[in-house]
Amino acid sequence: MVDAIEQRHVFLSLEAGADLLYFSRRLGHGTIKTTADIYLDVTPQYESHELEKISNYLNSQSNTKNKQLLD
């Protein structure tokens, strides 16, 4: 059974942007899927952070393409 303190630590770390693969290896899980199944609940803060990363990436790609068109 997952220790409540460990689980909270992993949740908060993931919300802060920590890498899932890092925790998978640190916790000794055989696969990253195991870690995701246990820890990767989508909290509002986690979802917001992920959507912001996607938005930033898409904006940077759009800006790059626009710059190429102007050159």
Foldseek 3Di string as FASTA:
>chain_A
DDDPVVLVVVQVCVLVPDDLVVVCVVVPPPDSVVSCVRRVDDDVSNVVVVVVVVVVVVVVVVVVVVVVVVD
